[in-house]
């Protein structure tokens, strides 16, 4: 059984910014991922939002395009660990692995694991 990536950042999630002033693929890319070598490529100093005129300079950069390509091709070894944790799916079953859904039930947050 091999892992595939079904990237939520291009379909279900939205791009986000972190507290350090960088565009990040999604809200799950928290500062705990900053030391991940595959994630560091996306938060280079030149990509700081104070240093770009338009976020397209970030999104269409070589590094971000490579990231997107690696997501679509499920190049597991070239992706940040957070992508594997949040967006991997079972190739055989097409079910999410480690995917947690939160929803409201009777005004309480309930967690359902798929």
C-alpha atoms as a PDB file:
ATOM      1  CA  UNK A   1       0.000   0.000   0.000  1.00  0.00           C
ATOM      2  CA  UNK A   2       1.588   3.275  -1.078  1.00  0.00           C
ATOM      3  CA  UNK A   3       0.814   6.774   0.095  1.00  0.00           C
ATOM      4  CA  UNK A   4      -0.397   9.381  -2.316  1.00  0.00           C
ATOM      5  CA  UNK A   5      -0.980  13.051  -1.684  1.00  0.00           C
ATOM      6  CA  UNK A   6      -4.347  14.652  -2.268  1.00  0.00           C
ATOM      7  CA  UNK A   7      -3.362  18.266  -1.786  1.00  0.00           C
ATOM      8  CA  UNK A   8      -6.022  20.196   0.074  1.00  0.00           C
ATOM      9  CA  UNK A   9      -4.151  23.494  -0.328  1.00  0.00           C
ATOM     10  CA  UNK A  10      -5.139  23.641  -3.982  1.00  0.00           C
ATOM     11  CA  UNK A  11      -8.723  22.447  -3.629  1.00  0.00           C
ATOM     12  CA  UNK A  12     -10.216  22.655  -0.119  1.00  0.00           C
ATOM     13  CA  UNK A  13      -7.893  24.809   1.973  1.00  0.00           C
ATOM     14  CA  UNK A  14      -6.762  28.329   1.221  1.00  0.00           C
ATOM     15  CA  UNK A  15      -3.319  29.831   1.271  1.00  0.00           C
ATOM     16  CA  UNK A  16      -2.483  31.480   4.558  1.00  0.00           C
ATOM     17  CA  UNK A  17       0.110  33.743   6.087  1.00  0.00           C
ATOM     18  CA  UNK A  18       2.051  33.000   9.224  1.00  0.00           C
ATOM     19  CA  UNK A  19       2.920  35.331  12.072  1.00  0.00           C
ATOM     20  CA  UNK A  20       6.412  35.784  10.633  1.00  0.00           C
ATOM     21  CA  UNK A  21       5.052  37.411   7.458  1.00  0.00           C
ATOM     22  CA  UNK A  22       5.315  34.559   4.965  1.00  0.00           C
ATOM     23  CA  UNK A  23       2.738  33.098   2.625  1.00  0.00           C
ATOM     24  CA  UNK A  24       2.235  29.432   3.487  1.00  0.00           C
ATOM     25  CA  UNK A  25       0.345  26.690   1.621  1.00  0.00           C
ATOM     26  CA  UNK A  26      -2.219  26.250   4.393  1.00  0.00           C
ATOM     27  CA  UNK A  27      -2.920  26.947   8.031  1.00  0.00           C
ATOM     28  CA  UNK A  28      -1.383  23.608   9.072  1.00  0.00           C
ATOM     29  CA  UNK A  29       2.061  24.905   8.080  1.00  0.00           C
ATOM     30  CA  UNK A  30       2.736  26.279  11.528  1.00  0.00           C
ATOM     31  CA  UNK A  31       6.114  27.436  12.848  1.00  0.00           C
ATOM     32  CA  UNK A  32       6.846  23.897  14.044  1.00  0.00           C
ATOM     33  CA  UNK A  33       7.508  23.092  10.370  1.00  0.00           C
ATOM     34  CA  UNK A  34      10.079  25.859   9.867  1.00  0.00           C
ATOM     35  CA  UNK A  35      12.972  23.445  10.417  1.00  0.00           C
ATOM     36  CA  UNK A  36      11.716  20.925   7.865  1.00  0.00           C
ATOM     37  CA  UNK A  37      14.204  21.212   4.995  1.00  0.00           C
ATOM     38  CA  UNK A  38      11.462  20.661   2.424  1.00  0.00           C
ATOM     39  CA  UNK A  39       9.402  23.455   3.986  1.00  0.00           C
ATOM     40  CA  UNK A  40      12.278  25.948   4.319  1.00  0.00           C
ATOM     41  CA  UNK A  41      12.285  26.321   0.529  1.00  0.00           C
ATOM     42  CA  UNK A  42       8.877  27.999   0.762  1.00  0.00           C
ATOM     43  CA  UNK A  43       9.766  30.545   3.425  1.00  0.00           C
ATOM     44  CA  UNK A  44      12.979  32.019   2.085  1.00  0.00           C
ATOM     45  CA  UNK A  45      13.773  35.571   3.108  1.00  0.00           C
ATOM     46  CA  UNK A  46      13.094  36.774  -0.448  1.00  0.00           C
ATOM     47  CA  UNK A  47       9.494  35.498  -0.124  1.00  0.00           C
ATOM     48  CA  UNK A  48       8.698  37.619   2.935  1.00  0.00           C
ATOM     49  CA  UNK A  49       5.536  39.575   2.173  1.00  0.00           C
ATOM     50  CA  UNK A  50       7.306  42.869   2.932  1.00  0.00           C
ATOM     51  CA  UNK A  51       9.727  42.134   0.082  1.00  0.00           C
ATOM     52  CA  UNK A  52       7.303  41.258  -2.716  1.00  0.00           C
ATOM     53  CA  UNK A  53       5.012  43.497  -4.726  1.00  0.00           C
ATOM     54  CA  UNK A  54       2.433  40.779  -5.334  1.00  0.00           C
ATOM     55  CA  UNK A  55       1.897  37.283  -3.899  1.00  0.00           C
ATOM     56  CA  UNK A  56       2.174  35.951  -7.442  1.00  0.00           C
ATOM     57  CA  UNK A  57       5.930  36.518  -7.087  1.00  0.00           C
ATOM     58  CA  UNK A  58       5.830  33.881  -4.358  1.00  0.00           C
ATOM     59  CA  UNK A  59       3.264  31.502  -5.821  1.00  0.00           C
ATOM     60  CA  UNK A  60       4.878  31.415  -9.250  1.00  0.00           C
ATOM     61  CA  UNK A  61       8.442  31.201  -7.954  1.00  0.00           C
ATOM     62  CA  UNK A  62      10.514  28.193  -8.944  1.00  0.00           C
ATOM     63  CA  UNK A  63      10.385  26.883  -5.355  1.00  0.00           C
ATOM     64  CA  UNK A  64       6.597  27.059  -5.048  1.00  0.00           C
ATOM     65  CA  UNK A  65       6.088  25.575  -8.501  1.00  0.00           C
ATOM     66  CA  UNK A  66       8.385  22.702  -7.554  1.00  0.00           C
ATOM     67  CA  UNK A  67       6.382  22.245  -4.337  1.00  0.00           C
ATOM     68  CA  UNK A  68       3.140  22.113  -6.332  1.00  0.00           C
ATOM     69  CA  UNK A  69       4.633  19.622  -8.780  1.00  0.00           C
ATOM     70  CA  UNK A  70       5.830  17.412  -5.927  1.00  0.00           C
ATOM     71  CA  UNK A  71       2.343  17.478  -4.399  1.00  0.00           C
ATOM     72  CA  UNK A  72       0.633  16.476  -7.635  1.00  0.00           C
ATOM     73  CA  UNK A  73       3.210  13.760  -8.337  1.00  0.00           C
ATOM     74  CA  UNK A  74       3.168  12.555  -4.696  1.00  0.00           C
ATOM     75  CA  UNK A  75       6.950  12.877  -4.388  1.00  0.00           C
ATOM     76  CA  UNK A  76       6.784  12.001  -0.702  1.00  0.00           C
ATOM     77  CA  UNK A  77      10.503  12.417   0.000  1.00  0.00           C
ATOM     78  CA  UNK A  78      10.484  15.977  -1.357  1.00  0.00           C
ATOM     79  CA  UNK A  79       7.488  17.231   0.639  1.00  0.00           C
ATOM     80  CA  UNK A  80       7.231  18.731   4.111  1.00  0.00           C
ATOM     81  CA  UNK A  81       6.163  16.246   6.786  1.00  0.00           C
ATOM     82  CA  UNK A  82       3.016  18.265   7.488  1.00  0.00           C
ATOM     83  CA  UNK A  83       1.792  17.497   3.947  1.00  0.00           C
ATOM     84  CA  UNK A  84       2.160  13.796   4.632  1.00  0.00           C
ATOM     85  CA  UNK A  85       0.365  14.115   7.955  1.00  0.00           C
ATOM     86  CA  UNK A  86      -2.585  16.110   6.647  1.00  0.00           C
ATOM     87  CA  UNK A  87      -2.982  15.215   2.976  1.00  0.00           C
ATOM     88  CA  UNK A  88      -1.849  11.636   2.435  1.00  0.00           C
ATOM     89  CA  UNK A  89      -4.372   9.106   1.182  1.00  0.00           C
ATOM     90  CA  UNK A  90      -4.299   5.374   0.765  1.00  0.00           C
ATOM     91  CA  UNK A  91      -3.688   4.694  -2.911  1.00  0.00           C
ATOM     92  CA  UNK A  92      -5.504   1.365  -2.677  1.00  0.00           C
ATOM     93  CA  UNK A  93      -8.538   2.504  -0.735  1.00  0.00           C
ATOM     94  CA  UNK A  94      -8.648   6.193  -1.650  1.00  0.00           C
ATOM     95  CA  UNK A  95      -9.408   6.945   2.014  1.00  0.00           C
ATOM     96  CA  UNK A  96      -7.633   9.599   3.993  1.00  0.00           C
ATOM     97  CA  UNK A  97      -4.940   8.635   6.438  1.00  0.00           C
ATOM     98  CA  UNK A  98      -4.627  10.805   9.531  1.00  0.00           C
ATOM     99  CA  UNK A  99      -7.453  13.020   8.361  1.00  0.00           C
ATOM    100  CA  UNK A 100      -9.535  14.517  11.096  1.00  0.00           C
ATOM    101  CA  UNK A 101     -12.779  16.305  10.499  1.00  0.00           C
ATOM    102  CA  UNK A 102     -14.246  18.646  13.071  1.00  0.00           C
ATOM    103  CA  UNK A 103     -17.876  19.621  13.068  1.00  0.00           C
ATOM    104  CA  UNK A 104     -20.450  21.087  15.426  1.00  0.00           C
ATOM    105  CA  UNK A 105     -22.979  18.835  17.074  1.00  0.00           C
ATOM    106  CA  UNK A 106     -25.341  20.331  19.642  1.00  0.00           C
ATOM    107  CA  UNK A 107     -23.080  23.411  19.974  1.00  0.00           C
ATOM    108  CA  UNK A 108     -20.070  21.233  20.847  1.00  0.00           C
ATOM    109  CA  UNK A 109     -17.096  20.548  18.641  1.00  0.00           C
ATOM    110  CA  UNK A 110     -16.990  16.871  17.767  1.00  0.00           C
ATOM    111  CA  UNK A 111     -14.099  15.087  16.118  1.00  0.00           C
ATOM    112  CA  UNK A 112     -14.683  12.379  13.566  1.00  0.00           C
ATOM    113  CA  UNK A 113     -11.734  10.420  12.203  1.00  0.00           C
ATOM    114  CA  UNK A 114     -11.996   9.013   8.727  1.00  0.00           C
END
